[in-house]
Structures are given as C-alpha cells and as structure tokens.
Amino acid sequence: METILKLNRITKFYGRIRALNEVGFVVPRGAIFGVLGPNGSGKTTLLGIVMGVLRSNSGDFNWFDLPPTHLQRQQIGCLLETPNFYHYLSGKRNLEIVAQIRQRGHADIDAVLDLVRLTERKDSKFNTYSLGMKQRLAIASCLLGNPSVLVFDEPTNGLDPAGIAEIRSLIRRLAEEGKTIILASHLLDEVEKVCTHVAILQRGNLLTAGRVSEKLVNEEFVEAGSEDLTQLSQIMSAFPGLKETKKMDGHLEFHFQDDTPRLSEINLFCYQKGIILNHLLLRKRSLESKFIELTKSESN
C-alpha cells in the first residue's frame, strides 16, 4: 500500500521537557489515521512538525516518499486552529478571502460548500452559524485547491453532540471521496467510530500504531471462580491457548491467545481435573479500559 506520510524517530524538546520521544509510524493512502492520546501527549506538536510549523530536534519525515518542501505542504489541507473568519461576512465571502490569501482561486468554492453541506447557508453571515457549521466552514477552507491529504487537530473539540456527529459524518464522506485524513484526538470514541488506523501517544512516547481493528479491539476474556483459586489457576495453566491469568477480587480472569473457548469446554476441563466452578462468565473488555491500561502502563 502506498505511503502518504512516514515519520522516523521524531524527537522534540521544549527546554528540558521532551514533548516527543523518537516517534515513528506510517500513514497509508486512503486511511483515516487518528493520533490518539490524552492532553499533553504530544499530538499537536507532532502535527505542527509534519506541517512545517515547528521543527523537531531530531528525526525526519517524508510526505509521498519525498522530503518535505514548502510547495508540497501547500498541497495538503490543514486545520491546526480555527481560521479567523469575519463574523459579519457570509460563509462564501469568507472562503473567497481565504482562497485569495492562499492563492487557490475561486473556482471550487461552490463545490467545497456543497461537500460540507453549507450551500443553503452560503450567503448567511458567519455569526449566524452554529458551532458545527463554523467548523464545517473551517474544513471547507482546507478543501480549497482539492488537496488529497487533510490534517486536522481535534476537529470536534468544543462541539455539542449534534456538531460532533456532523463533523464525524463529514470526515467519513471526505474519506469516501478518496482523501487521506490525519486527525489528532483525545477522544477514544472518536477514533473508534471514525478512524481506520491509530497511533497512541502518552507523554511523547508512541505506545502502539496500526489498524484500529487490531490495536483497539474488544477483547473477550473468561471470568471464573471456585473454592480454591490457587488450585484453579494451576489447573487452567494447562488449558490450550491460555495467554494470561489475572487474579481479581474473588475470581480469576483468563485471557486466550486466539479465539476464546466455549464456556462449556472450560467447565468440562475443570470438572475432569476435580475443580467445581462456582462462577463462570464470558466478558468483553471495553476499548476504554484497554486504552487506560495502555496509557497507565507507560506512566508507571
């Protein structure tokens, strides 16, 4: 698969504070790539570096398998902060001003307004727009010139649920148009629902990167109990495919390498070994708990 962006050991210091620590990953063409992490994890710094707003202390990156250039960055739609639109001018007039400043021309203004579904309100003043509409206009400004790549920093930040839904729907539509999208977010829910790929940052360190379906998957596990948990743990250590046993308050959690076995198989296995189970449940670990576990292990 063609690579759009490749980062190689990007490191950035602010004085003695290391904001990024040798971060590296690859963004494939057509991906909706989420850079996920709590506030202060280095997401905005990373986007600033790849867009040429900031300089790294070490490491490098390539756009389209080539070293970055000013002309190259002009072909990437970027929204690192909301543009300073004129409140008393219409949405369309604001885009005309942006197009003039960026030397993009006015030819595709109507098309981008249609894409972000603001055609009916294009002549309304900016100060009459909802927060979601204002953010859609900001995204429209990034679409001028028809860039193949879009970079967004926290695109749903500060929006109400309706506005969040609007932006998420727009991002999916843009991806369907064939655009590669890189977005920073501190919202696990956003990455799960919108993104195809993810890189998780914590305190400037890359914890993991890859497909969302592989890195943020609802993992199944078996919860079991008996009169003697120590003996149960010893017996289950011989169960095929067992990856890990966790001792919880009053029961054990069994995690498996591949597919979780049927509960009846576990019950029979234990019975044949002389263990009577008094508790047996199949559970799913939430994505939130997995994200917390990843970030917590880094902070310890």
C-alpha atoms as a PDB file:
ATOM      1  CA  MET A   1       0.000   0.000   0.000  1.00  0.00           C
ATOM      2  CA  GLU A   2       1.263   3.463  -0.921  1.00  0.00           C
ATOM      3  CA  THR A   3       2.670   5.524   1.940  1.00  0.00           C
ATOM      4  CA  ILE A   4       1.453   9.105   2.375  1.00  0.00           C
ATOM      5  CA  LEU A   5       3.457  10.059   5.472  1.00  0.00           C
ATOM      6  CA  LYS A   6       6.380   8.312   7.138  1.00  0.00           C
ATOM      7  CA  LEU A   7       7.836   9.539  10.431  1.00  0.00           C
ATOM      8  CA  ASN A   8      11.243   8.361  11.590  1.00  0.00           C
ATOM      9  CA  ARG A   9      12.238   8.833  15.267  1.00  0.00           C
ATOM     10  CA  ILE A  10      10.823  12.335  15.652  1.00  0.00           C
ATOM     11  CA  THR A  11      12.048  13.962  18.877  1.00  0.00           C
ATOM     12  CA  LYS A  12      11.108  17.405  20.146  1.00  0.00           C
ATOM     13  CA  PHE A  13      12.202  19.275  23.282  1.00  0.00           C
ATOM     14  CA  TYR A  14      10.726  22.386  24.877  1.00  0.00           C
ATOM     15  CA  GLY A  15      13.606  23.344  27.126  1.00  0.00           C
ATOM     16  CA  ARG A  16      14.139  20.297  29.342  1.00  0.00           C
ATOM     17  CA  ILE A  17      10.714  18.872  28.576  1.00  0.00           C
ATOM     18  CA  ARG A  18      10.726  16.154  25.945  1.00  0.00           C
ATOM     19  CA  ALA A  19       7.425  16.566  24.080  1.00  0.00           C
ATOM     20  CA  LEU A  20       8.122  13.749  21.600  1.00  0.00           C
ATOM     21  CA  ASN A  21      10.458  10.805  22.055  1.00  0.00           C
ATOM     22  CA  GLU A  22      11.622   9.104  18.830  1.00  0.00           C
ATOM     23  CA  VAL A  23       8.104   8.771  17.424  1.00  0.00           C
ATOM     24  CA  GLY A  24       7.749   6.867  14.179  1.00  0.00           C
ATOM     25  CA  PHE A  25       4.874   5.390  12.189  1.00  0.00           C
ATOM     26  CA  VAL A  26       3.485   5.172   8.654  1.00  0.00           C
ATOM     27  CA  VAL A  27       0.232   6.610   7.278  1.00  0.00           C
ATOM     28  CA  PRO A  28      -1.054   4.661   4.236  1.00  0.00           C
ATOM     29  CA  ARG A  29      -3.005   6.246   1.402  1.00  0.00           C
ATOM     30  CA  GLY A  30      -6.762   6.317   1.963  1.00  0.00           C
ATOM     31  CA  ALA A  31      -6.548   5.944   5.731  1.00  0.00           C
ATOM     32  CA  ILE A  32      -8.381   7.944   8.351  1.00  0.00           C
ATOM     33  CA  PHE A  33      -5.426   7.988  10.718  1.00  0.00           C
ATOM     34  CA  GLY A  34      -6.062   9.028  14.314  1.00  0.00           C
ATOM     35  CA  VAL A  35      -3.261  10.302  16.544  1.00  0.00           C
ATOM     36  CA  LEU A  36      -4.777   9.475  19.915  1.00  0.00           C
ATOM     37  CA  GLY A  37      -3.648  10.497  23.371  1.00  0.00           C
ATOM     38  CA  PRO A  38      -4.522  12.498  26.476  1.00  0.00           C
ATOM     39  CA  ASN A  39      -3.945  16.238  26.565  1.00  0.00           C
ATOM     40  CA  GLY A  40      -0.224  16.903  26.741  1.00  0.00           C
ATOM     41  CA  SER A  41       0.741  13.689  24.968  1.00  0.00           C
ATOM     42  CA  GLY A  42       2.404  15.476  22.041  1.00  0.00           C
ATOM     43  CA  LYS A  43      -0.328  15.203  19.392  1.00  0.00           C
ATOM     44  CA  THR A  44      -0.451  18.887  18.418  1.00  0.00           C
ATOM     45  CA  THR A  45       3.338  19.145  18.482  1.00  0.00           C
ATOM     46  CA  LEU A  46       3.580  16.201  16.110  1.00  0.00           C
ATOM     47  CA  LEU A  47       1.108  17.695  13.639  1.00  0.00           C
ATOM     48  CA  GLY A  48       2.905  21.036  13.859  1.00  0.00           C
ATOM     49  CA  ILE A  49       6.179  19.366  12.907  1.00  0.00           C
ATOM     50  CA  VAL A  50       4.840  17.472   9.885  1.00  0.00           C
ATOM     51  CA  MET A  51       3.138  20.652   8.662  1.00  0.00           C
ATOM     52  CA  GLY A  52       6.322  22.707   8.985  1.00  0.00           C
ATOM     53  CA  VAL A  53       5.034  24.965  11.763  1.00  0.00           C
ATOM     54  CA  LEU A  54       7.547  23.509  14.256  1.00  0.00           C
ATOM     55  CA  ARG A  55      10.990  21.977  13.880  1.00  0.00           C
ATOM     56  CA  SER A  56      11.993  18.720  15.518  1.00  0.00           C
ATOM     57  CA  ASN A  57      15.246  18.378  17.427  1.00  0.00           C
ATOM     58  CA  SER A  58      15.987  15.082  15.690  1.00  0.00           C
ATOM     59  CA  GLY A  59      14.393  12.598  13.350  1.00  0.00           C
ATOM     60  CA  ASP A  60      12.822  13.197   9.955  1.00  0.00           C
ATOM     61  CA  PHE A  61       9.701  12.552   7.924  1.00  0.00           C
ATOM     62  CA  ASN A  62       8.632  12.182   4.289  1.00  0.00           C
ATOM     63  CA  TRP A  63       5.457  13.177   2.501  1.00  0.00           C
ATOM     64  CA  PHE A  64       4.653  10.982  -0.522  1.00  0.00           C
ATOM     65  CA  ASP A  65       8.064   9.262  -0.127  1.00  0.00           C
ATOM     66  CA  LEU A  66       9.840  12.596  -0.598  1.00  0.00           C
ATOM     67  CA  PRO A  67      11.492  15.040   1.824  1.00  0.00           C
ATOM     68  CA  PRO A  68       9.048  17.826   2.788  1.00  0.00           C
ATOM     69  CA  THR A  69       9.028  21.075   0.839  1.00  0.00           C
ATOM     70  CA  HIS A  70       7.009  24.279   1.022  1.00  0.00           C
ATOM     71  CA  LEU A  71       5.258  23.528  -2.263  1.00  0.00           C
ATOM     72  CA  GLN A  72       4.428  20.046  -1.061  1.00  0.00           C
ATOM     73  CA  ARG A  73       2.798  21.371   2.119  1.00  0.00           C
ATOM     74  CA  GLN A  74       0.690  23.768   0.068  1.00  0.00           C
ATOM     75  CA  GLN A  75      -0.990  20.710  -1.433  1.00  0.00           C
ATOM     76  CA  ILE A  76      -2.079  19.414   1.989  1.00  0.00           C
ATOM     77  CA  GLY A  77      -5.250  20.797   3.571  1.00  0.00           C
ATOM     78  CA  CYS A  78      -4.545  21.639   7.193  1.00  0.00           C
ATOM     79  CA  LEU A  79      -6.644  22.759  10.162  1.00  0.00           C
ATOM     80  CA  LEU A  80      -4.433  23.191  13.220  1.00  0.00           C
ATOM     81  CA  GLU A  81      -6.508  26.067  14.572  1.00  0.00           C
ATOM     82  CA  THR A  82      -9.783  27.672  13.530  1.00  0.00           C
ATOM     83  CA  PRO A  83      -9.268  30.356  10.857  1.00  0.00           C
ATOM     84  CA  ASN A  84     -10.071  33.951  11.799  1.00  0.00           C
ATOM     85  CA  PHE A  85     -13.234  34.280   9.764  1.00  0.00           C
ATOM     86  CA  TYR A  86     -15.012  37.636   9.517  1.00  0.00           C
ATOM     87  CA  HIS A  87     -18.178  37.372  11.597  1.00  0.00           C
ATOM     88  CA  TYR A  88     -20.119  39.981   9.586  1.00  0.00           C
ATOM     89  CA  LEU A  89     -19.385  38.373   6.194  1.00  0.00           C
ATOM     90  CA  SER A  90     -21.114  35.386   4.617  1.00  0.00           C
ATOM     91  CA  GLY A  91     -19.633  31.929   4.590  1.00  0.00           C
ATOM     92  CA  LYS A  92     -18.975  32.139   0.874  1.00  0.00           C
ATOM     93  CA  ARG A  93     -17.323  35.560   1.117  1.00  0.00           C
ATOM     94  CA  ASN A  94     -15.063  34.273   3.885  1.00  0.00           C
ATOM     95  CA  LEU A  95     -13.948  31.405   1.663  1.00  0.00           C
ATOM     96  CA  GLU A  96     -13.267  33.835  -1.181  1.00  0.00           C
ATOM     97  CA  ILE A  97     -10.928  35.779   1.120  1.00  0.00           C
ATOM     98  CA  VAL A  98      -9.171  32.589   2.230  1.00  0.00           C
ATOM     99  CA  ALA A  99      -8.785  31.492  -1.392  1.00  0.00           C
ATOM    100  CA  GLN A 100      -7.276  34.864  -2.303  1.00  0.00           C
ATOM    101  CA  ILE A 101      -4.802  34.755   0.600  1.00  0.00           C
ATOM    102  CA  ARG A 102      -3.733  31.194  -0.244  1.00  0.00           C
ATOM    103  CA  GLN A 103      -3.773  31.859  -3.972  1.00  0.00           C
ATOM    104  CA  ARG A 104      -6.133  28.960  -4.558  1.00  0.00           C
ATOM    105  CA  GLY A 105      -8.613  30.679  -6.888  1.00  0.00           C
ATOM    106  CA  HIS A 106     -12.405  30.776  -6.538  1.00  0.00           C
ATOM    107  CA  ALA A 107     -13.312  28.005  -8.960  1.00  0.00           C
ATOM    108  CA  ASP A 108     -14.046  25.301  -6.401  1.00  0.00           C
ATOM    109  CA  ILE A 109     -15.704  27.381  -3.652  1.00  0.00           C
ATOM    110  CA  ASP A 110     -19.220  26.259  -4.553  1.00  0.00           C
ATOM    111  CA  ALA A 111     -18.052  22.650  -4.731  1.00  0.00           C
ATOM    112  CA  VAL A 112     -16.481  22.650  -1.252  1.00  0.00           C
ATOM    113  CA  LEU A 113     -19.527  24.405   0.226  1.00  0.00           C
ATOM    114  CA  ASP A 114     -21.650  21.634  -1.231  1.00  0.00           C
ATOM    115  CA  LEU A 115     -19.295  18.964   0.118  1.00  0.00           C
ATOM    116  CA  VAL A 116     -19.573  20.305   3.677  1.00  0.00           C
ATOM    117  CA  ARG A 117     -23.327  20.838   3.185  1.00  0.00           C
ATOM    118  CA  LEU A 118     -23.370  24.592   3.614  1.00  0.00           C
ATOM    119  CA  THR A 119     -24.731  25.524   0.183  1.00  0.00           C
ATOM    120  CA  GLU A 120     -28.097  26.600   1.589  1.00  0.00           C
ATOM    121  CA  ARG A 121     -26.374  28.845   4.146  1.00  0.00           C
ATOM    122  CA  LYS A 122     -23.518  30.102   1.987  1.00  0.00           C
ATOM    123  CA  ASP A 123     -24.925  33.663   1.917  1.00  0.00           C
ATOM    124  CA  SER A 124     -25.669  33.775   5.669  1.00  0.00           C
ATOM    125  CA  LYS A 125     -23.350  35.741   7.922  1.00  0.00           C
ATOM    126  CA  PHE A 126     -20.746  33.699   9.767  1.00  0.00           C
ATOM    127  CA  ASN A 127     -22.045  34.905  13.160  1.00  0.00           C
ATOM    128  CA  THR A 128     -25.383  33.182  12.480  1.00  0.00           C
ATOM    129  CA  TYR A 129     -23.749  29.762  12.099  1.00  0.00           C
ATOM    130  CA  SER A 130     -23.893  27.056  14.777  1.00  0.00           C
ATOM    131  CA  LEU A 131     -20.575  25.787  16.162  1.00  0.00           C
ATOM    132  CA  GLY A 132     -20.829  22.722  13.938  1.00  0.00           C
ATOM    133  CA  MET A 133     -21.420  24.881  10.862  1.00  0.00           C
ATOM    134  CA  LYS A 134     -18.467  27.098  11.745  1.00  0.00           C
ATOM    135  CA  GLN A 135     -16.240  24.041  11.992  1.00  0.00           C
ATOM    136  CA  ARG A 136     -17.559  22.729   8.674  1.00  0.00           C
ATOM    137  CA  LEU A 137     -16.698  26.073   7.073  1.00  0.00           C
ATOM    138  CA  ALA A 138     -13.201  25.796   8.543  1.00  0.00           C
ATOM    139  CA  ILE A 139     -12.872  22.343   6.978  1.00  0.00           C
ATOM    140  CA  ALA A 140     -14.199  23.784   3.693  1.00  0.00           C
ATOM    141  CA  SER A 141     -11.332  26.274   3.751  1.00  0.00           C
ATOM    142  CA  CYS A 142      -8.910  23.313   3.915  1.00  0.00           C
ATOM    143  CA  LEU A 143     -10.548  21.745   0.864  1.00  0.00           C
ATOM    144  CA  LEU A 144      -9.811  24.684  -1.441  1.00  0.00           C
ATOM    145  CA  GLY A 145      -7.480  23.519  -4.185  1.00  0.00           C
ATOM    146  CA  ASN A 146      -8.692  19.917  -3.818  1.00  0.00           C
ATOM    147  CA  PRO A 147      -5.843  18.519  -1.668  1.00  0.00           C
ATOM    148  CA  SER A 148      -5.527  14.736  -1.467  1.00  0.00           C
ATOM    149  CA  VAL A 149      -4.465  14.847   2.211  1.00  0.00           C
ATOM    150  CA  LEU A 150      -6.157  16.590   5.136  1.00  0.00           C
ATOM    151  CA  VAL A 151      -4.654  17.200   8.593  1.00  0.00           C
ATOM    152  CA  PHE A 152      -6.968  18.136  11.472  1.00  0.00           C
ATOM    153  CA  ASP A 153      -6.140  18.886  15.118  1.00  0.00           C
ATOM    154  CA  GLU A 154      -9.062  17.974  17.429  1.00  0.00           C
ATOM    155  CA  PRO A 155     -11.730  18.653  14.757  1.00  0.00           C
ATOM    156  CA  THR A 156     -14.674  18.093  17.146  1.00  0.00           C
ATOM    157  CA  ASN A 157     -13.239  19.950  20.138  1.00  0.00           C
ATOM    158  CA  GLY A 158     -15.803  22.209  21.856  1.00  0.00           C
ATOM    159  CA  LEU A 159     -18.760  20.998  19.794  1.00  0.00           C
ATOM    160  CA  ASP A 160     -22.068  19.752  21.174  1.00  0.00           C
ATOM    161  CA  PRO A 161     -23.203  16.171  20.341  1.00  0.00           C
ATOM    162  CA  ALA A 162     -25.004  17.329  17.183  1.00  0.00           C
ATOM    163  CA  GLY A 163     -21.921  19.208  15.983  1.00  0.00           C
ATOM    164  CA  ILE A 164     -19.682  16.232  16.741  1.00  0.00           C
ATOM    165  CA  ALA A 165     -21.950  13.972  14.692  1.00  0.00           C
ATOM    166  CA  GLU A 166     -21.849  16.463  11.798  1.00  0.00           C
ATOM    167  CA  ILE A 167     -18.048  16.576  11.698  1.00  0.00           C
ATOM    168  CA  ARG A 168     -17.639  12.815  12.039  1.00  0.00           C
ATOM    169  CA  SER A 169     -20.063  12.292   9.165  1.00  0.00           C
ATOM    170  CA  LEU A 170     -18.154  14.833   7.072  1.00  0.00           C
ATOM    171  CA  ILE A 171     -14.824  13.115   7.758  1.00  0.00           C
ATOM    172  CA  ARG A 172     -16.261   9.794   6.590  1.00  0.00           C
ATOM    173  CA  ARG A 173     -17.589  11.434   3.402  1.00  0.00           C
ATOM    174  CA  LEU A 174     -14.214  13.014   2.685  1.00  0.00           C
ATOM    175  CA  ALA A 175     -12.551   9.616   3.069  1.00  0.00           C
ATOM    176  CA  GLU A 176     -15.079   8.144   0.652  1.00  0.00           C
ATOM    177  CA  GLU A 177     -14.006  10.851  -1.813  1.00  0.00           C
ATOM    178  CA  GLY A 178     -10.541   9.275  -1.715  1.00  0.00           C
ATOM    179  CA  LYS A 179      -8.796  11.665   0.657  1.00  0.00           C
ATOM    180  CA  THR A 180      -6.282  10.562   3.282  1.00  0.00           C
ATOM    181  CA  ILE A 181      -7.103  12.129   6.648  1.00  0.00           C
ATOM    182  CA  ILE A 182      -4.817  12.541   9.658  1.00  0.00           C
ATOM    183  CA  LEU A 183      -6.502  13.788  12.800  1.00  0.00           C
ATOM    184  CA  ALA A 184      -5.430  14.297  16.395  1.00  0.00           C
ATOM    185  CA  SER A 185      -7.922  13.486  19.135  1.00  0.00           C
ATOM    186  CA  HIS A 186      -8.051  12.795  22.862  1.00  0.00           C
ATOM    187  CA  LEU A 187     -11.392  11.008  22.397  1.00  0.00           C
ATOM    188  CA  LEU A 188     -11.200   7.231  22.194  1.00  0.00           C
ATOM    189  CA  ASP A 189     -14.808   7.141  20.986  1.00  0.00           C
ATOM    190  CA  GLU A 190     -13.932   9.370  18.043  1.00  0.00           C
ATOM    191  CA  VAL A 191     -11.043   7.193  16.907  1.00  0.00           C
ATOM    192  CA  GLU A 192     -13.067   4.005  17.327  1.00  0.00           C
ATOM    193  CA  LYS A 193     -16.014   5.311  15.288  1.00  0.00           C
ATOM    194  CA  VAL A 194     -14.183   7.246  12.559  1.00  0.00           C
ATOM    195  CA  CYS A 195     -10.607   6.069  12.089  1.00  0.00           C
ATOM    196  CA  THR A 196      -9.175   3.106  10.205  1.00  0.00           C
ATOM    197  CA  HIS A 197      -5.694   3.440  11.746  1.00  0.00           C
ATOM    198  CA  VAL A 198      -4.361   4.798  15.021  1.00  0.00           C
ATOM    199  CA  ALA A 199      -1.148   5.852  16.756  1.00  0.00           C
ATOM    200  CA  ILE A 200      -1.425   6.162  20.539  1.00  0.00           C
ATOM    201  CA  LEU A 201       0.809   8.692  22.289  1.00  0.00           C
ATOM    202  CA  GLN A 202       1.456   9.130  26.007  1.00  0.00           C
ATOM    203  CA  ARG A 203       3.845  11.785  27.335  1.00  0.00           C
ATOM    204  CA  GLY A 204       5.550  11.997  23.955  1.00  0.00           C
ATOM    205  CA  ASN A 205       6.082   8.247  23.632  1.00  0.00           C
ATOM    206  CA  LEU A 206       4.481   6.102  20.945  1.00  0.00           C
ATOM    207  CA  LEU A 207       2.695   3.209  22.682  1.00  0.00           C
ATOM    208  CA  THR A 208       1.376   1.453  19.591  1.00  0.00           C
ATOM    209  CA  ALA A 209       0.390   2.103  15.972  1.00  0.00           C
ATOM    210  CA  GLY A 210      -1.556   0.187  13.352  1.00  0.00           C
ATOM    211  CA  ARG A 211      -5.079  -0.644  12.275  1.00  0.00           C
ATOM    212  CA  VAL A 212      -7.815   0.257  14.742  1.00  0.00           C
ATOM    213  CA  SER A 213      -9.281  -3.236  14.242  1.00  0.00           C
ATOM    214  CA  GLU A 214      -6.022  -4.685  15.583  1.00  0.00           C
ATOM    215  CA  LYS A 215      -4.907  -2.138  18.167  1.00  0.00           C
ATOM    216  CA  LEU A 216      -8.277  -1.228  19.692  1.00  0.00           C
ATOM    217  CA  VAL A 217     -10.281  -4.420  19.650  1.00  0.00           C
ATOM    218  CA  ASN A 218     -12.948  -5.504  22.111  1.00  0.00           C
ATOM    219  CA  GLU A 219     -11.056  -8.360  23.767  1.00  0.00           C
ATOM    220  CA  GLU A 220     -13.036 -11.254  25.203  1.00  0.00           C
ATOM    221  CA  PHE A 221     -11.997 -12.981  28.414  1.00  0.00           C
ATOM    222  CA  VAL A 222     -13.430 -15.577  30.785  1.00  0.00           C
ATOM    223  CA  GLU A 223     -14.239 -14.805  34.390  1.00  0.00           C
ATOM    224  CA  ALA A 224     -14.219 -17.885  36.652  1.00  0.00           C
ATOM    225  CA  GLY A 225     -14.268 -18.765  40.328  1.00  0.00           C
ATOM    226  CA  SER A 226     -14.043 -21.773  42.644  1.00  0.00           C
ATOM    227  CA  GLU A 227     -13.444 -22.549  46.325  1.00  0.00           C
ATOM    228  CA  ASP A 228      -9.681 -22.708  45.726  1.00  0.00           C
ATOM    229  CA  LEU A 229      -8.492 -20.036  43.286  1.00  0.00           C
ATOM    230  CA  THR A 230      -4.843 -21.092  43.571  1.00  0.00           C
ATOM    231  CA  GLN A 231      -5.675 -24.619  42.501  1.00  0.00           C
ATOM    232  CA  LEU A 232      -7.931 -23.312  39.722  1.00  0.00           C
ATOM    233  CA  SER A 233      -5.090 -21.171  38.404  1.00  0.00           C
ATOM    234  CA  GLN A 234      -2.702 -24.129  38.420  1.00  0.00           C
ATOM    235  CA  ILE A 235      -5.184 -26.388  36.614  1.00  0.00           C
ATOM    236  CA  MET A 236      -6.051 -23.774  33.981  1.00  0.00           C
ATOM    237  CA  SER A 237      -2.367 -23.129  33.222  1.00  0.00           C
ATOM    238  CA  ALA A 238      -2.510 -26.319  31.141  1.00  0.00           C
ATOM    239  CA  PHE A 239      -5.565 -25.222  29.125  1.00  0.00           C
ATOM    240  CA  PRO A 240      -4.677 -24.940  25.393  1.00  0.00           C
ATOM    241  CA  GLY A 241      -4.223 -21.367  24.177  1.00  0.00           C
ATOM    242  CA  LEU A 242      -4.254 -19.702  27.587  1.00  0.00           C
ATOM    243  CA  LYS A 243      -2.245 -16.481  27.385  1.00  0.00           C
ATOM    244  CA  GLU A 244      -2.637 -14.852  30.779  1.00  0.00           C
ATOM    245  CA  THR A 245      -4.341 -15.312  34.132  1.00  0.00           C
ATOM    246  CA  LYS A 246      -5.261 -12.314  36.278  1.00  0.00           C
ATOM    247  CA  LYS A 247      -6.255 -12.652  39.914  1.00  0.00           C
ATOM    248  CA  MET A 248      -9.141 -10.379  40.758  1.00  0.00           C
ATOM    249  CA  ASP A 249     -11.197  -9.880  43.905  1.00  0.00           C
ATOM    250  CA  GLY A 250     -12.862 -13.278  44.451  1.00  0.00           C
ATOM    251  CA  HIS A 251     -12.314 -14.685  40.943  1.00  0.00           C
ATOM    252  CA  LEU A 252      -9.827 -15.172  38.112  1.00  0.00           C
ATOM    253  CA  GLU A 253      -9.702 -13.730  34.598  1.00  0.00           C
ATOM    254  CA  PHE A 254      -8.458 -15.990  31.793  1.00  0.00           C
ATOM    255  CA  HIS A 255      -7.212 -14.398  28.559  1.00  0.00           C
ATOM    256  CA  PHE A 256      -6.537 -16.513  25.481  1.00  0.00           C
ATOM    257  CA  GLN A 257      -4.189 -16.243  22.507  1.00  0.00           C
ATOM    258  CA  ASP A 258      -6.756 -16.553  19.732  1.00  0.00           C
ATOM    259  CA  ASP A 259     -10.459 -17.362  19.880  1.00  0.00           C
ATOM    260  CA  THR A 260     -11.933 -17.613  23.362  1.00  0.00           C
ATOM    261  CA  PRO A 261     -13.077 -21.212  24.022  1.00  0.00           C
ATOM    262  CA  ARG A 262     -16.683 -22.046  24.818  1.00  0.00           C
ATOM    263  CA  LEU A 263     -17.582 -21.887  28.484  1.00  0.00           C
ATOM    264  CA  SER A 264     -18.740 -25.494  28.358  1.00  0.00           C
ATOM    265  CA  GLU A 265     -15.212 -26.556  27.335  1.00  0.00           C
ATOM    266  CA  ILE A 266     -13.685 -24.731  30.297  1.00  0.00           C
ATOM    267  CA  ASN A 267     -16.290 -26.107  32.687  1.00  0.00           C
ATOM    268  CA  LEU A 268     -15.692 -29.698  31.489  1.00  0.00           C
ATOM    269  CA  PHE A 269     -11.911 -29.267  31.598  1.00  0.00           C
ATOM    270  CA  CYS A 270     -12.026 -28.091  35.211  1.00  0.00           C
ATOM    271  CA  TYR A 271     -14.540 -30.789  36.232  1.00  0.00           C
ATOM    272  CA  GLN A 272     -12.331 -33.532  34.800  1.00  0.00           C
ATOM    273  CA  LYS A 273      -9.441 -32.128  36.855  1.00  0.00           C
ATOM    274  CA  GLY A 274     -11.515 -32.188  40.035  1.00  0.00           C
ATOM    275  CA  ILE A 275     -12.402 -28.489  40.168  1.00  0.00           C
ATOM    276  CA  ILE A 276     -16.010 -27.419  40.592  1.00  0.00           C
ATOM    277  CA  LEU A 277     -16.617 -23.907  39.295  1.00  0.00           C
ATOM    278  CA  ASN A 278     -18.999 -21.679  41.233  1.00  0.00           C
ATOM    279  CA  HIS A 279     -18.657 -18.761  38.825  1.00  0.00           C
ATOM    280  CA  LEU A 280     -18.188 -18.747  35.033  1.00  0.00           C
ATOM    281  CA  LEU A 281     -18.872 -15.816  32.692  1.00  0.00           C
ATOM    282  CA  LEU A 282     -17.767 -14.593  29.257  1.00  0.00           C
ATOM    283  CA  ARG A 283     -16.938 -10.888  29.327  1.00  0.00           C
ATOM    284  CA  LYS A 284     -15.635  -8.239  26.939  1.00  0.00           C
ATOM    285  CA  ARG A 285     -13.091  -5.685  27.967  1.00  0.00           C
ATOM    286  CA  SER A 286     -14.157  -2.229  26.817  1.00  0.00           C
ATOM    287  CA  LEU A 287     -11.973  -0.189  24.487  1.00  0.00           C
ATOM    288  CA  GLU A 288     -11.821   2.439  27.204  1.00  0.00           C
ATOM    289  CA  SER A 289     -10.328   0.027  29.709  1.00  0.00           C
ATOM    290  CA  LYS A 290      -7.781  -1.149  27.142  1.00  0.00           C
ATOM    291  CA  PHE A 291      -6.791   2.454  26.366  1.00  0.00           C
ATOM    292  CA  ILE A 292      -6.466   3.221  30.080  1.00  0.00           C
ATOM    293  CA  GLU A 293      -4.352   0.097  30.542  1.00  0.00           C
ATOM    294  CA  LEU A 294      -2.031   1.103  27.696  1.00  0.00           C
ATOM    295  CA  THR A 295      -1.531   4.643  28.955  1.00  0.00           C
ATOM    296  CA  LYS A 296      -1.275   3.592  32.601  1.00  0.00           C
ATOM    297  CA  SER A 297       1.482   1.079  31.865  1.00  0.00           C
ATOM    298  CA  GLU A 298       3.501   3.868  30.251  1.00  0.00           C
ATOM    299  CA  SER A 299       3.060   6.261  33.163  1.00  0.00           C
ATOM    300  CA  ASN A 300       4.139   3.705  35.805  1.00  0.00           C
END
